Amino acid sequence: MTNPVNNPDYSGQYAPGQSSQHPYPAAQSPASVPAHYGTAQPPAAMGLLFKERNPIITWLVFPIITLGIYVYVWYYKIHKEMAEFDRRRQAPVAGPVLVLFFLGWTVIAPLVSFYNTGQRIQNAQRASGLQPTCSPILSCLLTFVFGLNILYMQSELNKIVDRYPGAPEGAQVPLYV
């Protein structure tokens, strides 16, 4: 089977029941898509790309301005975006935020939540065709170093966004695993 990304005659149809909307902006023809998109098989599914955020602003600036409230907003948003990115996986959206909000004092519950979030980021990286680089354990450990886990997790999520250059936030993108 030919690679749909490198095939100029490709119509944009991936599989029966999936969207026929092409996953890249109209300005990009399949021939102009970088070669690293190419895989030997057509996409397994389609997902919605999430927002690229500046890790420093996410980790330091917005939490200071909002007196820490932004951390909860960010945590909710990344879980919602990961759920929309790969709908094949059942991903909780509000649950992880509630764990941080109501069980943050227990220390163990937030660590479990951060570990699970690291695993979800790994799954999203796999789905986008990347080699998973997010470490759930490192995500937990960085919690104790000035809350650097937020910076780390956002940096790992941005790698997925970088996998689809030129695709705007919310665009349908191919998932390969």
N, C-alpha and C. Protein backbone atom coordinates (compact mmCIF):
# COMPACT_ATOMS: atom_id res chain seq x y z
N MET A 1 0.85 -1.19 0.00
CA MET A 1 0.00 0.00 0.00
C MET A 1 0.89 1.24 0.00
N THR A 2 0.54 2.25 -0.74
CA THR A 2 1.36 3.44 -0.82
C THR A 2 1.09 4.35 0.36
N ASN A 3 2.06 5.17 0.64
CA ASN A 3 1.97 6.10 1.75
C ASN A 3 1.07 7.27 1.35
N PRO A 4 -0.01 7.54 2.10
CA PRO A 4 -0.94 8.60 1.70
C PRO A 4 -0.31 9.98 1.75
N VAL A 5 0.65 10.19 2.62
CA VAL A 5 1.23 11.51 2.76
C VAL A 5 2.10 11.84 1.55
N ASN A 6 2.80 10.86 1.01
CA ASN A 6 3.70 11.12 -0.10
C ASN A 6 3.05 10.85 -1.46
N ASN A 7 1.82 10.43 -1.50
CA ASN A 7 1.13 10.11 -2.74
C ASN A 7 0.34 11.32 -3.19
N PRO A 8 0.75 11.99 -4.30
CA PRO A 8 0.04 13.21 -4.71
C PRO A 8 -1.38 12.95 -5.20
N ASP A 9 -1.71 11.69 -5.54
CA ASP A 9 -3.06 11.37 -6.00
C ASP A 9 -3.98 10.99 -4.85
N TYR A 10 -3.49 11.02 -3.64
CA TYR A 10 -4.26 10.59 -2.49
C TYR A 10 -5.41 11.55 -2.24
N SER A 11 -6.60 11.02 -2.01
CA SER A 11 -7.80 11.85 -1.92
C SER A 11 -8.11 12.34 -0.52
N GLY A 12 -7.44 11.83 0.48
CA GLY A 12 -7.75 12.24 1.85
C GLY A 12 -8.59 11.24 2.58
N GLN A 13 -9.06 10.19 1.94
CA GLN A 13 -9.84 9.15 2.61
C GLN A 13 -8.89 8.21 3.33
N TYR A 14 -9.10 8.01 4.61
CA TYR A 14 -8.22 7.14 5.38
C TYR A 14 -8.81 5.75 5.53
N ALA A 15 -10.02 5.68 5.97
CA ALA A 15 -10.66 4.38 6.18
C ALA A 15 -12.16 4.62 6.26
N PRO A 16 -12.95 3.58 6.01
CA PRO A 16 -14.40 3.76 6.12
C PRO A 16 -14.78 4.23 7.51
N GLY A 17 -15.66 5.18 7.58
CA GLY A 17 -16.15 5.67 8.86
C GLY A 17 -15.33 6.79 9.44
N GLN A 18 -14.17 7.10 8.83
CA GLN A 18 -13.35 8.18 9.36
C GLN A 18 -13.56 9.43 8.52
N SER A 19 -13.15 10.54 9.05
CA SER A 19 -13.35 11.82 8.38
C SER A 19 -12.58 11.86 7.07
N SER A 20 -13.19 12.47 6.07
CA SER A 20 -12.51 12.63 4.79
C SER A 20 -11.76 13.94 4.74
N GLN A 21 -11.85 14.74 5.79
CA GLN A 21 -11.14 16.00 5.83
C GLN A 21 -9.65 15.72 5.91
N HIS A 22 -8.90 16.39 5.08
CA HIS A 22 -7.46 16.17 5.08
C HIS A 22 -6.86 16.68 6.38
N PRO A 23 -5.89 15.98 6.97
CA PRO A 23 -5.39 16.34 8.28
C PRO A 23 -4.49 17.56 8.30
N TYR A 24 -4.12 18.10 7.17
CA TYR A 24 -3.21 19.23 7.13
C TYR A 24 -3.93 20.46 6.60
N PRO A 25 -3.43 21.64 6.92
CA PRO A 25 -4.07 22.85 6.42
C PRO A 25 -4.12 22.86 4.89
N ALA A 26 -5.07 23.60 4.35
CA ALA A 26 -5.26 23.64 2.91
C ALA A 26 -4.02 24.14 2.18
N ALA A 27 -3.23 24.98 2.83
CA ALA A 27 -2.05 25.53 2.18
C ALA A 27 -0.98 24.47 1.94
N GLN A 28 -1.06 23.35 2.65
CA GLN A 28 -0.06 22.31 2.49
C GLN A 28 -0.60 21.20 1.63
N SER A 29 0.02 20.98 0.51
CA SER A 29 -0.35 19.83 -0.29
C SER A 29 0.38 18.63 0.27
N PRO A 30 -0.07 17.41 -0.01
CA PRO A 30 0.63 16.24 0.51
C PRO A 30 2.09 16.20 0.12
N ALA A 31 2.44 16.75 -1.03
CA ALA A 31 3.83 16.73 -1.46
C ALA A 31 4.69 17.66 -0.61
N SER A 32 4.08 18.68 0.03
CA SER A 32 4.87 19.62 0.82
C SER A 32 4.99 19.20 2.28
N VAL A 33 4.34 18.12 2.67
CA VAL A 33 4.42 17.64 4.04
C VAL A 33 5.79 16.99 4.25
N PRO A 34 6.48 17.28 5.34
CA PRO A 34 7.81 16.72 5.55
C PRO A 34 7.81 15.19 5.50
N ALA A 35 8.93 14.65 5.08
CA ALA A 35 9.05 13.20 4.90
C ALA A 35 8.93 12.43 6.20
N HIS A 36 9.25 13.06 7.35
CA HIS A 36 9.17 12.30 8.60
C HIS A 36 7.74 11.95 8.99
N TYR A 37 6.75 12.50 8.30
CA TYR A 37 5.38 12.08 8.54
C TYR A 37 5.14 10.69 8.00
N GLY A 38 5.87 10.36 6.99
CA GLY A 38 5.60 9.13 6.26
C GLY A 38 5.75 7.89 7.10
N THR A 39 4.83 7.00 6.97
CA THR A 39 4.92 5.67 7.55
C THR A 39 4.50 4.71 6.47
N ALA A 40 4.76 3.46 6.68
CA ALA A 40 4.44 2.47 5.67
C ALA A 40 2.95 2.14 5.61
N GLN A 41 2.19 2.64 6.53
CA GLN A 41 0.78 2.30 6.59
C GLN A 41 -0.06 3.56 6.75
N PRO A 42 -1.32 3.50 6.35
CA PRO A 42 -2.17 4.66 6.54
C PRO A 42 -2.47 4.85 8.02
N PRO A 43 -2.92 6.03 8.40
CA PRO A 43 -3.22 6.28 9.81
C PRO A 43 -4.26 5.31 10.36
N ALA A 44 -4.10 4.96 11.62
CA ALA A 44 -5.04 4.07 12.29
C ALA A 44 -6.31 4.81 12.69
N ALA A 45 -6.19 6.11 12.92
CA ALA A 45 -7.33 6.93 13.35
C ALA A 45 -6.97 8.39 13.14
N MET A 46 -7.92 9.25 13.47
CA MET A 46 -7.70 10.69 13.41
C MET A 46 -7.98 11.26 14.79
N GLY A 47 -7.27 12.33 15.12
CA GLY A 47 -7.46 12.98 16.40
C GLY A 47 -7.34 14.48 16.25
N LEU A 48 -7.73 15.20 17.29
CA LEU A 48 -7.64 16.66 17.28
C LEU A 48 -6.35 17.09 17.97
N LEU A 49 -5.59 17.93 17.30
CA LEU A 49 -4.32 18.40 17.83
C LEU A 49 -4.56 19.37 18.96
N PHE A 50 -3.72 19.29 19.99
CA PHE A 50 -3.91 20.19 21.12
C PHE A 50 -3.04 21.42 20.99
N LYS A 51 -3.18 22.30 21.93
CA LYS A 51 -2.53 23.60 21.89
C LYS A 51 -1.08 23.50 22.34
N GLU A 52 -0.22 24.20 21.62
CA GLU A 52 1.17 24.30 22.04
C GLU A 52 1.27 25.46 23.03
N ARG A 53 1.84 25.18 24.18
CA ARG A 53 1.97 26.20 25.22
C ARG A 53 3.44 26.39 25.55
N ASN A 54 3.79 27.59 25.94
CA ASN A 54 5.15 27.88 26.38
C ASN A 54 5.34 27.24 27.76
N PRO A 55 6.29 26.30 27.90
CA PRO A 55 6.45 25.60 29.18
C PRO A 55 6.82 26.52 30.34
N ILE A 56 7.64 27.54 30.10
CA ILE A 56 8.06 28.45 31.18
C ILE A 56 6.86 29.26 31.67
N ILE A 57 6.08 29.77 30.74
CA ILE A 57 4.91 30.56 31.12
C ILE A 57 3.90 29.67 31.85
N THR A 58 3.73 28.44 31.36
CA THR A 58 2.81 27.51 31.99
C THR A 58 3.26 27.14 33.39
N TRP A 59 4.55 26.96 33.58
CA TRP A 59 5.08 26.51 34.86
C TRP A 59 5.23 27.66 35.87
N LEU A 60 5.64 28.84 35.41
CA LEU A 60 6.01 29.88 36.34
C LEU A 60 5.09 31.11 36.30
N VAL A 61 4.92 31.69 35.12
CA VAL A 61 4.27 33.00 35.02
C VAL A 61 2.78 32.94 35.37
N PHE A 62 2.01 32.11 34.65
CA PHE A 62 0.57 32.05 34.91
C PHE A 62 0.23 31.59 36.32
N PRO A 63 0.92 30.60 36.88
CA PRO A 63 0.60 30.24 38.28
C PRO A 63 0.88 31.37 39.27
N ILE A 64 1.91 32.17 39.02
CA ILE A 64 2.19 33.30 39.93
C ILE A 64 1.10 34.36 39.78
N ILE A 65 0.74 34.67 38.55
CA ILE A 65 -0.28 35.70 38.31
C ILE A 65 -1.63 35.29 38.91
N THR A 66 -1.98 34.01 38.79
CA THR A 66 -3.29 33.55 39.27
C THR A 66 -3.25 32.95 40.67
N LEU A 67 -2.14 33.10 41.35
CA LEU A 67 -1.95 32.57 42.71
C LEU A 67 -2.17 31.05 42.77
N GLY A 68 -1.70 30.36 41.75
CA GLY A 68 -1.74 28.90 41.73
C GLY A 68 -2.95 28.27 41.09
N ILE A 69 -3.96 29.06 40.77
CA ILE A 69 -5.18 28.50 40.20
C ILE A 69 -4.94 27.97 38.79
N TYR A 70 -4.02 28.59 38.06
CA TYR A 70 -3.78 28.18 36.68
C TYR A 70 -3.31 26.72 36.59
N VAL A 71 -2.65 26.22 37.60
CA VAL A 71 -2.19 24.83 37.57
C VAL A 71 -3.38 23.88 37.40
N TYR A 72 -4.46 24.15 38.10
CA TYR A 72 -5.65 23.32 37.98
C TYR A 72 -6.29 23.47 36.60
N VAL A 73 -6.34 24.69 36.09
CA VAL A 73 -6.90 24.95 34.76
C VAL A 73 -6.05 24.23 33.70
N TRP A 74 -4.74 24.37 33.80
CA TRP A 74 -3.84 23.72 32.85
C TRP A 74 -4.00 22.20 32.90
N TYR A 75 -4.05 21.66 34.09
CA TYR A 75 -4.16 20.21 34.25
C TYR A 75 -5.46 19.69 33.62
N TYR A 76 -6.54 20.43 33.81
CA TYR A 76 -7.81 20.06 33.18
C TYR A 76 -7.70 20.14 31.66
N LYS A 77 -7.13 21.23 31.17
CA LYS A 77 -7.04 21.43 29.72
C LYS A 77 -6.21 20.35 29.04
N ILE A 78 -5.07 19.97 29.63
CA ILE A 78 -4.24 18.96 28.95
C ILE A 78 -4.94 17.60 28.94
N HIS A 79 -5.68 17.29 30.00
CA HIS A 79 -6.41 16.02 30.00
C HIS A 79 -7.55 16.03 28.99
N LYS A 80 -8.23 17.16 28.88
CA LYS A 80 -9.30 17.27 27.89
C LYS A 80 -8.72 17.16 26.48
N GLU A 81 -7.61 17.83 26.24
CA GLU A 81 -6.99 17.79 24.91
C GLU A 81 -6.44 16.40 24.59
N MET A 82 -5.88 15.71 25.57
CA MET A 82 -5.39 14.35 25.32
C MET A 82 -6.56 13.40 25.03
N ALA A 83 -7.69 13.62 25.69
CA ALA A 83 -8.87 12.78 25.42
C ALA A 83 -9.39 13.02 24.01
N GLU A 84 -9.35 14.25 23.53
CA GLU A 84 -9.80 14.56 22.18
C GLU A 84 -8.77 14.15 21.13
N PHE A 85 -7.50 14.13 21.52
CA PHE A 85 -6.44 13.75 20.59
C PHE A 85 -6.56 12.30 20.17
N ASP A 86 -6.82 11.42 21.14
CA ASP A 86 -6.96 10.00 20.83
C ASP A 86 -8.21 9.47 21.52
N ARG A 87 -9.32 9.52 20.81
CA ARG A 87 -10.61 9.10 21.37
C ARG A 87 -10.71 7.59 21.53
N ARG A 88 -9.76 6.86 21.01
CA ARG A 88 -9.79 5.40 21.17
C ARG A 88 -9.49 4.98 22.60
N ARG A 89 -8.80 5.84 23.33
CA ARG A 89 -8.46 5.54 24.72
C ARG A 89 -9.44 6.26 25.65
N GLN A 90 -9.83 5.58 26.70
CA GLN A 90 -10.69 6.20 27.70
C GLN A 90 -9.79 7.00 28.65
N ALA A 91 -9.86 8.31 28.55
CA ALA A 91 -9.02 9.17 29.37
C ALA A 91 -9.90 10.06 30.25
N PRO A 92 -9.66 10.04 31.54
CA PRO A 92 -10.45 10.92 32.42
C PRO A 92 -10.09 12.38 32.17
N VAL A 93 -11.06 13.23 32.36
CA VAL A 93 -10.82 14.65 32.13
C VAL A 93 -10.85 15.41 33.46
N ALA A 94 -11.94 15.34 34.17
CA ALA A 94 -12.08 16.10 35.41
C ALA A 94 -11.47 15.37 36.61
N GLY A 95 -11.42 14.06 36.56
CA GLY A 95 -10.93 13.28 37.70
C GLY A 95 -9.54 13.67 38.19
N PRO A 96 -8.55 13.79 37.30
CA PRO A 96 -7.21 14.17 37.76
C PRO A 96 -7.16 15.53 38.44
N VAL A 97 -7.97 16.47 37.96
CA VAL A 97 -8.00 17.79 38.59
C VAL A 97 -8.62 17.70 39.98
N LEU A 98 -9.68 16.91 40.10
CA LEU A 98 -10.32 16.74 41.41
C LEU A 98 -9.38 16.06 42.40
N VAL A 99 -8.57 15.14 41.90
CA VAL A 99 -7.58 14.50 42.78
C VAL A 99 -6.62 15.55 43.32
N LEU A 100 -6.10 16.42 42.44
CA LEU A 100 -5.19 17.46 42.91
C LEU A 100 -5.88 18.42 43.88
N PHE A 101 -7.11 18.78 43.55
CA PHE A 101 -7.81 19.78 44.35
C PHE A 101 -8.22 19.25 45.72
N PHE A 102 -8.81 18.06 45.76
CA PHE A 102 -9.33 17.55 47.03
C PHE A 102 -8.36 16.64 47.78
N LEU A 103 -7.44 16.01 47.07
CA LEU A 103 -6.53 15.07 47.74
C LEU A 103 -5.08 15.51 47.66
N GLY A 104 -4.84 16.75 47.30
CA GLY A 104 -3.48 17.27 47.20
C GLY A 104 -2.72 17.20 48.51
N TRP A 105 -3.41 17.25 49.61
CA TRP A 105 -2.78 17.21 50.92
C TRP A 105 -2.22 15.83 51.26
N THR A 106 -2.64 14.80 50.54
CA THR A 106 -2.19 13.44 50.86
C THR A 106 -0.83 13.10 50.26
N VAL A 107 -0.34 13.86 49.33
CA VAL A 107 0.93 13.68 48.63
C VAL A 107 0.90 12.45 47.72
N ILE A 108 0.40 11.33 48.19
CA ILE A 108 0.40 10.10 47.39
C ILE A 108 -0.56 10.22 46.19
N ALA A 109 -1.76 10.71 46.42
CA ALA A 109 -2.76 10.81 45.35
C ALA A 109 -2.27 11.69 44.19
N PRO A 110 -1.69 12.87 44.46
CA PRO A 110 -1.19 13.66 43.34
C PRO A 110 -0.03 12.96 42.60
N LEU A 111 0.80 12.26 43.33
CA LEU A 111 1.90 11.54 42.67
C LEU A 111 1.36 10.46 41.73
N VAL A 112 0.34 9.76 42.17
CA VAL A 112 -0.28 8.75 41.31
C VAL A 112 -0.90 9.43 40.09
N SER A 113 -1.54 10.57 40.30
CA SER A 113 -2.14 11.30 39.19
C SER A 113 -1.08 11.77 38.20
N PHE A 114 0.04 12.29 38.70
CA PHE A 114 1.12 12.73 37.81
C PHE A 114 1.74 11.56 37.07
N TYR A 115 1.86 10.42 37.74
CA TYR A 115 2.39 9.23 37.09
C TYR A 115 1.46 8.79 35.95
N ASN A 116 0.17 8.74 36.23
CA ASN A 116 -0.81 8.36 35.20
C ASN A 116 -0.82 9.36 34.04
N THR A 117 -0.65 10.64 34.36
CA THR A 117 -0.59 11.65 33.30
C THR A 117 0.65 11.43 32.44
N GLY A 118 1.77 11.09 33.05
CA GLY A 118 2.97 10.77 32.28
C GLY A 118 2.74 9.60 31.35
N GLN A 119 2.00 8.60 31.81
CA GLN A 119 1.68 7.46 30.95
C GLN A 119 0.77 7.88 29.80
N ARG A 120 -0.19 8.76 30.07
CA ARG A 120 -1.08 9.24 29.00
C ARG A 120 -0.30 10.03 27.96
N ILE A 121 0.68 10.81 28.41
CA ILE A 121 1.52 11.56 27.47
C ILE A 121 2.34 10.58 26.62
N GLN A 122 2.86 9.53 27.25
CA GLN A 122 3.57 8.49 26.49
C GLN A 122 2.67 7.88 25.43
N ASN A 123 1.44 7.56 25.79
CA ASN A 123 0.49 6.98 24.84
C ASN A 123 0.19 7.95 23.69
N ALA A 124 0.07 9.23 24.02
CA ALA A 124 -0.17 10.23 22.97
C ALA A 124 1.04 10.34 22.04
N GLN A 125 2.23 10.25 22.61
CA GLN A 125 3.43 10.29 21.77
C GLN A 125 3.47 9.08 20.84
N ARG A 126 3.15 7.91 21.36
CA ARG A 126 3.10 6.71 20.52
C ARG A 126 2.06 6.86 19.41
N ALA A 127 0.88 7.37 19.77
CA ALA A 127 -0.20 7.51 18.79
C ALA A 127 0.19 8.46 17.66
N SER A 128 1.01 9.45 17.97
CA SER A 128 1.42 10.40 16.93
C SER A 128 2.57 9.87 16.09
N GLY A 129 3.07 8.70 16.44
CA GLY A 129 4.16 8.11 15.68
C GLY A 129 5.53 8.43 16.21
N LEU A 130 5.59 9.10 17.37
CA LEU A 130 6.88 9.43 17.99
C LEU A 130 7.33 8.30 18.90
N GLN A 131 8.61 8.27 19.16
CA GLN A 131 9.16 7.39 20.19
C GLN A 131 8.81 8.04 21.53
N PRO A 132 8.19 7.32 22.46
CA PRO A 132 7.82 7.94 23.75
C PRO A 132 9.07 8.35 24.53
N THR A 133 9.08 9.61 24.94
CA THR A 133 10.20 10.13 25.72
C THR A 133 9.77 10.60 27.10
N CYS A 134 8.49 10.67 27.35
CA CYS A 134 8.00 11.12 28.65
C CYS A 134 8.16 10.00 29.67
N SER A 135 8.77 10.33 30.79
CA SER A 135 8.96 9.36 31.86
C SER A 135 7.99 9.67 33.00
N PRO A 136 7.04 8.77 33.27
CA PRO A 136 6.11 9.00 34.37
C PRO A 136 6.81 9.14 35.72
N ILE A 137 7.88 8.39 35.92
CA ILE A 137 8.61 8.46 37.19
C ILE A 137 9.29 9.81 37.34
N LEU A 138 9.91 10.29 36.26
CA LEU A 138 10.54 11.61 36.31
C LEU A 138 9.49 12.69 36.55
N SER A 139 8.33 12.51 35.99
CA SER A 139 7.24 13.45 36.21
C SER A 139 6.89 13.55 37.69
N CYS A 140 6.88 12.41 38.36
CA CYS A 140 6.59 12.40 39.80
C CYS A 140 7.73 13.04 40.59
N LEU A 141 8.96 12.68 40.26
CA LEU A 141 10.11 13.20 41.00
C LEU A 141 10.28 14.70 40.85
N LEU A 142 10.01 15.22 39.66
CA LEU A 142 10.15 16.66 39.44
C LEU A 142 9.11 17.48 40.20
N THR A 143 8.08 16.82 40.70
CA THR A 143 7.09 17.50 41.53
C THR A 143 7.76 18.12 42.76
N PHE A 144 8.76 17.44 43.27
CA PHE A 144 9.43 17.89 44.50
C PHE A 144 10.53 18.90 44.23
N VAL A 145 10.82 19.19 42.96
CA VAL A 145 11.86 20.16 42.61
C VAL A 145 11.16 21.39 42.01
N PHE A 146 10.66 22.24 42.86
CA PHE A 146 10.00 23.49 42.46
C PHE A 146 8.83 23.26 41.50
N GLY A 147 8.20 22.11 41.55
CA GLY A 147 7.07 21.82 40.68
C GLY A 147 7.44 21.76 39.20
N LEU A 148 8.68 21.36 38.92
CA LEU A 148 9.16 21.31 37.54
C LEU A 148 8.44 20.26 36.69
N ASN A 149 7.62 19.43 37.31
CA ASN A 149 6.89 18.43 36.53
C ASN A 149 5.95 19.09 35.53
N ILE A 150 5.42 20.25 35.85
CA ILE A 150 4.54 20.97 34.92
C ILE A 150 5.33 21.39 33.69
N LEU A 151 6.50 21.95 33.90
CA LEU A 151 7.38 22.34 32.80
C LEU A 151 7.74 21.12 31.95
N TYR A 152 8.06 20.03 32.61
CA TYR A 152 8.46 18.80 31.92
C TYR A 152 7.29 18.22 31.10
N MET A 153 6.14 18.10 31.72
CA MET A 153 4.99 17.53 31.01
C MET A 153 4.58 18.38 29.82
N GLN A 154 4.60 19.71 29.99
CA GLN A 154 4.23 20.58 28.88
C GLN A 154 5.26 20.49 27.75
N SER A 155 6.53 20.36 28.09
CA SER A 155 7.57 20.19 27.06
C SER A 155 7.35 18.90 26.29
N GLU A 156 6.96 17.85 26.98
CA GLU A 156 6.70 16.57 26.31
C GLU A 156 5.46 16.65 25.42
N LEU A 157 4.44 17.36 25.87
CA LEU A 157 3.24 17.54 25.05
C LEU A 157 3.55 18.37 23.80
N ASN A 158 4.44 19.35 23.94
CA ASN A 158 4.81 20.19 22.80
C ASN A 158 5.53 19.38 21.72
N LYS A 159 6.20 18.30 22.10
CA LYS A 159 6.85 17.44 21.10
C LYS A 159 5.81 16.84 20.16
N ILE A 160 4.65 16.52 20.70
CA ILE A 160 3.57 15.96 19.87
C ILE A 160 3.07 17.03 18.91
N VAL A 161 2.89 18.25 19.39
CA VAL A 161 2.43 19.34 18.54
C VAL A 161 3.46 19.59 17.44
N ASP A 162 4.74 19.54 17.79
CA ASP A 162 5.81 19.75 16.81
C ASP A 162 5.84 18.66 15.75
N ARG A 163 5.26 17.53 16.04
CA ARG A 163 5.21 16.42 15.09
C ARG A 163 4.35 16.76 13.88
N TYR A 164 3.44 17.71 14.05
CA TYR A 164 2.53 18.13 12.99
C TYR A 164 2.75 19.61 12.67
N PRO A 165 3.89 19.98 12.06
CA PRO A 165 4.14 21.41 11.81
C PRO A 165 3.11 21.99 10.85
N GLY A 166 2.69 23.19 11.17
CA GLY A 166 1.73 23.87 10.31
C GLY A 166 0.28 23.55 10.62
N ALA A 167 0.04 22.51 11.40
CA ALA A 167 -1.34 22.16 11.75
C ALA A 167 -1.79 23.05 12.90
N PRO A 168 -2.92 23.74 12.75
CA PRO A 168 -3.39 24.61 13.83
C PRO A 168 -4.01 23.80 14.98
N GLU A 169 -4.14 24.45 16.09
CA GLU A 169 -4.80 23.84 17.25
C GLU A 169 -6.20 23.39 16.85
N GLY A 170 -6.56 22.17 17.22
CA GLY A 170 -7.88 21.63 16.92
C GLY A 170 -8.00 20.99 15.55
N ALA A 171 -6.93 21.01 14.77
CA ALA A 171 -6.97 20.38 13.44
C ALA A 171 -6.96 18.87 13.58
N GLN A 172 -7.58 18.20 12.63
CA GLN A 172 -7.54 16.74 12.64
C GLN A 172 -6.18 16.29 12.13
N VAL A 173 -5.56 15.42 12.89
CA VAL A 173 -4.24 14.90 12.55
C VAL A 173 -4.28 13.38 12.57
N PRO A 174 -3.41 12.72 11.79
CA PRO A 174 -3.41 11.27 11.77
C PRO A 174 -2.74 10.67 13.00
N LEU A 175 -3.28 9.57 13.48
CA LEU A 175 -2.70 8.81 14.58
C LEU A 175 -2.28 7.46 14.01
N TYR A 176 -1.11 7.01 14.38
CA TYR A 176 -0.54 5.83 13.73
C TYR A 176 -0.54 4.57 14.57
N VAL A 177 -0.74 4.65 15.84
CA VAL A 177 -0.73 3.44 16.68
C VAL A 177 -2.02 3.38 17.46
